[in-house]
C-alpha atoms as a PDB file:
ATOM      1  CA  MET A   1      56.023 119.560 151.648  1.00  0.00           C
ATOM      2  CA  THR A   2      57.533 121.248 154.662  1.00  0.00           C
ATOM      3  CA  THR A   3      59.953 120.692 157.488  1.00  0.00           C
ATOM      4  CA  GLU A   4      58.956 118.813 160.623  1.00  0.00           C
ATOM      5  CA  SER A   5      59.370 122.014 162.641  1.00  0.00           C
ATOM      6  CA  ALA A   6      56.772 123.794 160.502  1.00  0.00           C
ATOM      7  CA  VAL A   7      54.202 121.221 161.593  1.00  0.00           C
ATOM      8  CA  ASN A   8      54.414 122.760 165.069  1.00  0.00           C
ATOM      9  CA  LEU A   9      52.884 125.976 163.698  1.00  0.00           C
ATOM     10  CA  ARG A  10      49.504 124.226 163.660  1.00  0.00           C
ATOM     11  CA  LEU A  11      48.012 126.566 161.087  1.00  0.00           C
ATOM     12  CA  PRO A  12      44.212 126.393 160.891  1.00  0.00           C
ATOM     13  CA  GLY A  13      42.987 124.484 157.874  1.00  0.00           C
ATOM     14  CA  VAL A  14      46.424 123.041 157.073  1.00  0.00           C
ATOM     15  CA  VAL A  15      46.950 119.286 157.085  1.00  0.00           C
ATOM     16  CA  TYR A  16      50.483 117.900 157.209  1.00  0.00           C
ATOM     17  CA  ARG A  17      51.163 114.497 155.734  1.00  0.00           C
ATOM     18  CA  PRO A  18      54.494 112.653 155.804  1.00  0.00           C
ATOM     19  CA  LEU A  19      56.036 111.912 152.422  1.00  0.00           C
ATOM     20  CA  ARG A  20      57.844 108.659 151.950  1.00  0.00           C
ATOM     21  CA  SER A  21      59.999 108.402 148.872  1.00  0.00           C
ATOM     22  CA  SER A  22      63.136 106.480 148.041  1.00  0.00           C
ATOM     23  CA  GLN A  23      63.995 109.186 145.490  1.00  0.00           C
ATOM     24  CA  LEU A  24      63.335 112.258 147.620  1.00  0.00           C
ATOM     25  CA  ARG A  25      66.427 112.770 149.750  1.00  0.00           C
ATOM     26  CA  GLU A  26      66.877 116.527 149.794  1.00  0.00           C
ATOM     27  CA  ILE A  27      64.866 119.594 148.982  1.00  0.00           C
ATOM     28  CA  GLU A  28      66.178 122.977 147.946  1.00  0.00           C
ATOM     29  CA  LEU A  29      65.188 125.955 150.035  1.00  0.00           C
ATOM     30  CA  SER A  30      64.992 129.331 148.342  1.00  0.00           C
ATOM     31  CA  CYS A  31      64.872 132.523 150.337  1.00  0.00           C
ATOM     32  CA  LEU A  32      63.809 135.808 148.775  1.00  0.00           C
ATOM     33  CA  TYR A  33      64.092 139.107 150.609  1.00  0.00           C
ATOM     34  CA  ARG A  34      64.691 142.782 149.959  1.00  0.00           C
ATOM     35  CA  ARG A  35      68.439 143.413 150.108  1.00  0.00           C
ATOM     36  CA  GLU A  36      67.958 146.808 151.793  1.00  0.00           C
ATOM     37  CA  ASP A  37      65.746 145.339 154.545  1.00  0.00           C
ATOM     38  CA  ARG A  38      67.750 145.592 157.784  1.00  0.00           C
ATOM     39  CA  SER A  39      65.091 144.382 160.199  1.00  0.00           C
ATOM     40  CA  PRO A  40      66.609 142.474 163.134  1.00  0.00           C
ATOM     41  CA  ILE A  41      64.240 139.550 162.563  1.00  0.00           C
ATOM     42  CA  LEU A  42      65.291 139.178 158.927  1.00  0.00           C
ATOM     43  CA  GLN A  43      68.973 139.456 159.846  1.00  0.00           C
ATOM     44  CA  ALA A  44      68.587 136.763 162.515  1.00  0.00           C
ATOM     45  CA  PHE A  45      66.766 134.519 160.035  1.00  0.00           C
ATOM     46  CA  LEU A  46      69.455 134.994 157.392  1.00  0.00           C
ATOM     47  CA  LYS A  47      72.158 134.237 159.943  1.00  0.00           C
ATOM     48  CA  LEU A  48      70.367 130.994 160.812  1.00  0.00           C
ATOM     49  CA  ILE A  49      69.964 130.021 157.145  1.00  0.00           C
ATOM     50  CA  ARG A  50      73.610 130.778 156.364  1.00  0.00           C
ATOM     51  CA  ALA A  51      74.816 128.753 159.364  1.00  0.00           C
ATOM     52  CA  SER A  52      72.601 125.846 158.329  1.00  0.00           C
ATOM     53  CA  ARG A  53      73.881 126.042 154.754  1.00  0.00           C
ATOM     54  CA  SER A  54      77.496 126.072 155.946  1.00  0.00           C
ATOM     55  CA  LYS A  55      76.873 123.111 158.252  1.00  0.00           C
ATOM     56  CA  HIS A  56      75.187 121.171 155.437  1.00  0.00           C
ATOM     57  CA  ALA A  57      78.091 121.908 153.058  1.00  0.00           C
ATOM     58  CA  ARG A  58      80.600 120.569 155.604  1.00  0.00           C
ATOM     59  CA  VAL A  59      78.594 117.366 156.080  1.00  0.00           C
ATOM     60  CA  LYS A  60      78.458 116.704 152.300  1.00  0.00           C
ATOM     61  CA  ARG A  61      82.243 116.832 151.879  1.00  0.00           C
END
């Protein structure tokens, strides 16, 4: 299972199928990275994830 945006990657040999479930409402995303890694790409990704998490937390309240 993946996000709709990941479908746009169009990876060779990968088939994306929609999942329809009355029980599946949310999925948990885990992000693992090396704490000492200061690459600008990683920092931008983490900023995006943190903003998304904050936005999601505000919507749930």
